[in-house]
PDB file of N, CA and C in Angstrom:
ATOM      1  N   MET A   1      52.999 -57.050  26.819  1.00  0.00           N
ATOM      2  CA  MET A   1      53.607 -57.460  28.068  1.00  0.00           C
ATOM      3  C   MET A   1      54.845 -56.609  28.324  1.00  0.00           C
ATOM      4  N   ALA A   2      55.059 -56.216  29.544  1.00  0.00           N
ATOM      5  CA  ALA A   2      56.193 -55.362  29.884  1.00  0.00           C
ATOM      6  C   ALA A   2      57.486 -56.165  29.873  1.00  0.00           C
ATOM      7  N   VAL A   3      58.516 -55.587  29.257  1.00  0.00           N
ATOM      8  CA  VAL A   3      59.825 -56.230  29.199  1.00  0.00           C
ATOM      9  C   VAL A   3      60.854 -55.232  29.714  1.00  0.00           C
ATOM     10  N   GLN A   4      61.678 -55.675  30.641  1.00  0.00           N
ATOM     11  CA  GLN A   4      62.687 -54.782  31.200  1.00  0.00           C
ATOM     12  C   GLN A   4      63.785 -54.494  30.180  1.00  0.00           C
ATOM     13  N   LYS A   5      64.390 -53.309  30.269  1.00  0.00           N
ATOM     14  CA  LYS A   5      65.452 -52.936  29.342  1.00  0.00           C
ATOM     15  C   LYS A   5      66.763 -53.602  29.694  1.00  0.00           C
ATOM     16  N   SER A   6      66.993 -53.818  30.984  1.00  0.00           N
ATOM     17  CA  SER A   6      68.221 -54.485  31.408  1.00  0.00           C
ATOM     18  C   SER A   6      67.951 -55.242  32.697  1.00  0.00           C
ATOM     19  N   LYS A   7      68.869 -56.162  33.026  1.00  0.00           N
ATOM     20  CA  LYS A   7      68.704 -57.003  34.205  1.00  0.00           C
ATOM     21  C   LYS A   7      68.767 -56.158  35.481  1.00  0.00           C
ATOM     22  N   VAL A   8      67.878 -56.472  36.413  1.00  0.00           N
ATOM     23  CA  VAL A   8      67.892 -55.818  37.713  1.00  0.00           C
ATOM     24  C   VAL A   8      68.807 -56.627  38.622  1.00  0.00           C
ATOM     25  N   THR A   9      69.829 -55.980  39.149  1.00  0.00           N
ATOM     26  CA  THR A   9      70.806 -56.691  39.975  1.00  0.00           C
ATOM     27  C   THR A   9      70.207 -57.062  41.330  1.00  0.00           C
ATOM     28  N   ARG A  10      70.859 -58.001  42.006  1.00  0.00           N
ATOM     29  CA  ARG A  10      70.408 -58.411  43.336  1.00  0.00           C
ATOM     30  C   ARG A  10      70.416 -57.230  44.292  1.00  0.00           C
ATOM     31  N   SER A  11      71.410 -56.359  44.141  1.00  0.00           N
ATOM     32  CA  SER A  11      71.517 -55.197  45.020  1.00  0.00           C
ATOM     33  C   SER A  11      70.335 -54.247  44.831  1.00  0.00           C
ATOM     34  N   ARG A  12      70.023 -53.929  43.597  1.00  0.00           N
ATOM     35  CA  ARG A  12      68.919 -53.010  43.319  1.00  0.00           C
ATOM     36  C   ARG A  12      67.581 -53.630  43.720  1.00  0.00           C
ATOM     37  N   ARG A  13      67.432 -54.928  43.479  1.00  0.00           N
ATOM     38  CA  ARG A  13      66.214 -55.626  43.885  1.00  0.00           C
ATOM     39  C   ARG A  13      66.052 -55.573  45.404  1.00  0.00           C
ATOM     40  N   GLY A  14      67.154 -55.785  46.128  1.00  0.00           N
ATOM     41  CA  GLY A  14      67.112 -55.744  47.587  1.00  0.00           C
ATOM     42  C   GLY A  14      66.791 -54.358  48.111  1.00  0.00           C
ATOM     43  N   LYS A  15      67.340 -53.330  47.469  1.00  0.00           N
ATOM     44  CA  LYS A  15      67.044 -51.958  47.884  1.00  0.00           C
ATOM     45  C   LYS A  15      65.563 -51.637  47.695  1.00  0.00           C
ATOM     46  N   ARG A  16      64.986 -52.131  46.615  1.00  0.00           N
ATOM     47  CA  ARG A  16      63.570 -51.898  46.361  1.00  0.00           C
ATOM     48  C   ARG A  16      62.703 -52.606  47.403  1.00  0.00           C
ATOM     49  N   ARG A  17      63.122 -53.790  47.807  1.00  0.00           N
ATOM     50  CA  ARG A  17      62.344 -54.589  48.758  1.00  0.00           C
ATOM     51  C   ARG A  17      62.622 -54.235  50.217  1.00  0.00           C
ATOM     52  N   SER A  18      63.492 -53.287  50.475  1.00  0.00           N
ATOM     53  CA  SER A  18      63.888 -52.984  51.852  1.00  0.00           C
ATOM     54  C   SER A  18      62.725 -52.474  52.696  1.00  0.00           C
ATOM     55  N   HIS A  19      61.693 -51.933  52.075  1.00  0.00           N
ATOM     56  CA  HIS A  19      60.553 -51.385  52.815  1.00  0.00           C
ATOM     57  C   HIS A  19      59.378 -52.358  52.888  1.00  0.00           C
ATOM     58  N   ASP A  20      59.554 -53.581  52.390  1.00  0.00           N
ATOM     59  CA  ASP A  20      58.449 -54.535  52.319  1.00  0.00           C
ATOM     60  C   ASP A  20      58.263 -55.364  53.576  1.00  0.00           C
ATOM     61  N   SER A  21      59.169 -55.270  54.542  1.00  0.00           N
ATOM     62  CA  SER A  21      59.084 -56.130  55.719  1.00  0.00           C
ATOM     63  C   SER A  21      57.910 -55.714  56.604  1.00  0.00           C
ATOM     64  N   LEU A  22      57.362 -56.697  57.320  1.00  0.00           N
ATOM     65  CA  LEU A  22      56.242 -56.440  58.218  1.00  0.00           C
ATOM     66  C   LEU A  22      56.755 -55.992  59.572  1.00  0.00           C
ATOM     67  N   SER A  23      56.028 -55.084  60.192  1.00  0.00           N
ATOM     68  CA  SER A  23      56.415 -54.639  61.527  1.00  0.00           C
ATOM     69  C   SER A  23      55.715 -55.509  62.569  1.00  0.00           C
ATOM     70  N   ASP A  24      56.254 -55.532  63.771  1.00  0.00           N
ATOM     71  CA  ASP A  24      55.653 -56.292  64.856  1.00  0.00           C
ATOM     72  C   ASP A  24      54.345 -55.625  65.283  1.00  0.00           C
ATOM     73  N   PRO A  25      53.372 -56.408  65.733  1.00  0.00           N
ATOM     74  CA  PRO A  25      52.123 -55.800  66.193  1.00  0.00           C
ATOM     75  C   PRO A  25      52.352 -54.991  67.465  1.00  0.00           C
ATOM     76  N   THR A  26      51.698 -53.842  67.552  1.00  0.00           N
ATOM     77  CA  THR A  26      51.833 -53.012  68.748  1.00  0.00           C
ATOM     78  C   THR A  26      50.962 -53.593  69.849  1.00  0.00           C
ATOM     79  N   LEU A  27      51.544 -53.760  71.021  1.00  0.00           N
ATOM     80  CA  LEU A  27      50.856 -54.380  72.142  1.00  0.00           C
ATOM     81  C   LEU A  27      50.646 -53.375  73.259  1.00  0.00           C
ATOM     82  N   SER A  28      49.570 -53.564  74.002  1.00  0.00           N
ATOM     83  CA  SER A  28      49.255 -52.729  75.157  1.00  0.00           C
ATOM     84  C   SER A  28      48.945 -53.622  76.342  1.00  0.00           C
ATOM     85  N   THR A  29      48.997 -53.031  77.520  1.00  0.00           N
ATOM     86  CA  THR A  29      48.634 -53.742  78.739  1.00  0.00           C
ATOM     87  C   THR A  29      47.322 -53.173  79.258  1.00  0.00           C
ATOM     88  N   ASP A  30      46.360 -54.052  79.508  1.00  0.00           N
ATOM     89  CA  ASP A  30      45.056 -53.623  80.005  1.00  0.00           C
ATOM     90  C   ASP A  30      45.184 -53.079  81.420  1.00  0.00           C
ATOM     91  N   LYS A  31      44.507 -51.970  81.700  1.00  0.00           N
ATOM     92  CA  LYS A  31      44.596 -51.333  83.017  1.00  0.00           C
ATOM     93  C   LYS A  31      43.994 -52.205  84.116  1.00  0.00           C
ATOM     94  N   THR A  32      42.887 -52.853  83.818  1.00  0.00           N
ATOM     95  CA  THR A  32      42.166 -53.611  84.838  1.00  0.00           C
ATOM     96  C   THR A  32      42.818 -54.955  85.131  1.00  0.00           C
ATOM     97  N   THR A  33      43.072 -55.740  84.076  1.00  0.00           N
ATOM     98  CA  THR A  33      43.548 -57.111  84.269  1.00  0.00           C
ATOM     99  C   THR A  33      45.054 -57.247  84.144  1.00  0.00           C
ATOM    100  N   GLY A  34      45.710 -56.285  83.522  1.00  0.00           N
ATOM    101  CA  GLY A  34      47.148 -56.383  83.300  1.00  0.00           C
ATOM    102  C   GLY A  34      47.511 -57.305  82.155  1.00  0.00           C
ATOM    103  N   GLU A  35      46.526 -57.701  81.371  1.00  0.00           N
ATOM    104  CA  GLU A  35      46.742 -58.616  80.257  1.00  0.00           C
ATOM    105  C   GLU A  35      47.315 -57.861  79.057  1.00  0.00           C
ATOM    106  N   VAL A  36      48.223 -58.492  78.342  1.00  0.00           N
ATOM    107  CA  VAL A  36      48.808 -57.898  77.143  1.00  0.00           C
ATOM    108  C   VAL A  36      47.915 -58.244  75.954  1.00  0.00           C
ATOM    109  N   HIS A  37      47.588 -57.232  75.145  1.00  0.00           N
ATOM    110  CA  HIS A  37      46.711 -57.441  73.993  1.00  0.00           C
ATOM    111  C   HIS A  37      47.108 -56.479  72.888  1.00  0.00           C
ATOM    112  N   ARG A  38      46.579 -56.708  71.682  1.00  0.00           N
ATOM    113  CA  ARG A  38      46.828 -55.804  70.570  1.00  0.00           C
ATOM    114  C   ARG A  38      46.073 -54.503  70.792  1.00  0.00           C
ATOM    115  N   ARG A  39      46.682 -53.396  70.362  1.00  0.00           N
ATOM    116  CA  ARG A  39      46.036 -52.095  70.535  1.00  0.00           C
ATOM    117  C   ARG A  39      44.734 -52.042  69.732  1.00  0.00           C
ATOM    118  N   HIS A  40      43.730 -51.372  70.295  1.00  0.00           N
ATOM    119  CA  HIS A  40      42.416 -51.186  69.680  1.00  0.00           C
ATOM    120  C   HIS A  40      41.675 -52.501  69.470  1.00  0.00           C
ATOM    121  N   HIS A  41      42.013 -53.525  70.251  1.00  0.00           N
ATOM    122  CA  HIS A  41      41.314 -54.803  70.199  1.00  0.00           C
ATOM    123  C   HIS A  41      40.853 -55.178  71.606  1.00  0.00           C
ATOM    124  N   VAL A  42      39.791 -55.944  71.681  1.00  0.00           N
ATOM    125  CA  VAL A  42      39.277 -56.429  72.957  1.00  0.00           C
ATOM    126  C   VAL A  42      40.197 -57.539  73.451  1.00  0.00           C
ATOM    127  N   THR A  43      40.434 -57.583  74.777  1.00  0.00           N
ATOM    128  CA  THR A  43      41.273 -58.644  75.332  1.00  0.00           C
ATOM    129  C   THR A  43      40.523 -59.967  75.290  1.00  0.00           C
ATOM    130  N   ALA A  44      41.228 -61.045  75.577  1.00  0.00           N
ATOM    131  CA  ALA A  44      40.638 -62.382  75.512  1.00  0.00           C
ATOM    132  C   ALA A  44      39.521 -62.564  76.533  1.00  0.00           C
ATOM    133  N   ASP A  45      39.567 -61.826  77.645  1.00  0.00           N
ATOM    134  CA  ASP A  45      38.520 -61.973  78.657  1.00  0.00           C
ATOM    135  C   ASP A  45      37.420 -60.912  78.532  1.00  0.00           C
ATOM    136  N   GLY A  46      37.403 -60.132  77.433  1.00  0.00           N
ATOM    137  CA  GLY A  46      36.286 -59.235  77.145  1.00  0.00           C
ATOM    138  C   GLY A  46      36.426 -57.808  77.620  1.00  0.00           C
ATOM    139  N   PHE A  47      37.623 -57.357  77.995  1.00  0.00           N
ATOM    140  CA  PHE A  47      37.818 -55.980  78.445  1.00  0.00           C
ATOM    141  C   PHE A  47      38.346 -55.115  77.308  1.00  0.00           C
ATOM    142  N   TYR A  48      37.915 -53.843  77.293  1.00  0.00           N
ATOM    143  CA  TYR A  48      38.425 -52.861  76.346  1.00  0.00           C
ATOM    144  C   TYR A  48      38.492 -51.524  77.063  1.00  0.00           C
ATOM    145  N   LYS A  49      39.668 -50.918  77.088  1.00  0.00           N
ATOM    146  CA  LYS A  49      39.919 -49.648  77.778  1.00  0.00           C
ATOM    147  C   LYS A  49      39.501 -49.714  79.243  1.00  0.00           C
ATOM    148  N   GLY A  50      39.752 -50.841  79.883  1.00  0.00           N
ATOM    149  CA  GLY A  50      39.469 -50.991  81.297  1.00  0.00           C
ATOM    150  C   GLY A  50      38.027 -51.288  81.643  1.00  0.00           C
ATOM    151  N   LYS A  51      37.163 -51.440  80.641  1.00  0.00           N
ATOM    152  CA  LYS A  51      35.751 -51.717  80.891  1.00  0.00           C
ATOM    153  C   LYS A  51      35.377 -53.069  80.286  1.00  0.00           C
ATOM    154  N   LYS A  52      34.449 -53.756  80.936  1.00  0.00           N
ATOM    155  CA  LYS A  52      33.960 -55.037  80.439  1.00  0.00           C
ATOM    156  C   LYS A  52      32.963 -54.766  79.316  1.00  0.00           C
ATOM    157  N   VAL A  53      33.279 -55.211  78.095  1.00  0.00           N
ATOM    158  CA  VAL A  53      32.397 -54.956  76.960  1.00  0.00           C
ATOM    159  C   VAL A  53      31.772 -56.237  76.416  1.00  0.00           C
ATOM    160  N   LEU A  54      32.369 -57.395  76.699  1.00  0.00           N
ATOM    161  CA  LEU A  54      31.824 -58.670  76.251  1.00  0.00           C
ATOM    162  C   LEU A  54      31.629 -59.597  77.436  1.00  0.00           C
ATOM    163  N   ASP A  55      30.482 -60.263  77.464  1.00  0.00           N
ATOM    164  CA  ASP A  55      30.257 -61.283  78.480  1.00  0.00           C
ATOM    165  C   ASP A  55      30.461 -62.631  77.803  1.00  0.00           C
ATOM    166  N   LEU A  56      31.611 -63.256  78.052  1.00  0.00           N
ATOM    167  CA  LEU A  56      31.964 -64.494  77.370  1.00  0.00           C
ATOM    168  C   LEU A  56      31.389 -65.725  78.053  1.00  0.00           C
ATOM    169  N   GLY A  57      30.921 -65.611  79.262  1.00  0.00           N
ATOM    170  CA  GLY A  57      30.342 -66.743  79.968  1.00  0.00           C
ATOM    171  C   GLY A  57      31.406 -67.705  80.452  1.00  0.00           C
ATOM    172  N   GLU A  58      30.972 -68.833  80.987  1.00  0.00           N
ATOM    173  CA  GLU A  58      31.898 -69.856  81.489  1.00  0.00           C
ATOM    174  C   GLU A  58      32.235 -70.823  80.373  1.00  0.00           C
ATOM    175  N   ASP A  59      33.508 -70.967  80.059  1.00  0.00           N
ATOM    176  CA  ASP A  59      33.943 -71.899  79.001  1.00  0.00           C
ATOM    177  C   ASP A  59      34.827 -72.972  79.558  1.00  0.00           C
TER     178      ASP A  59
END
């Protein structure tokens, strides 16, 4: 089992973890509907890159 040679201080631990935070999802606006959606994902009403790709029907 690995055992550290000396205690890791709060400062050094924080510096190591400084790159671990999650970034916000990148959002785009659909050309046709103006709806905000995640990039490279189909919008809730079935549009992708301004074209209808899914027929969701009446819900």
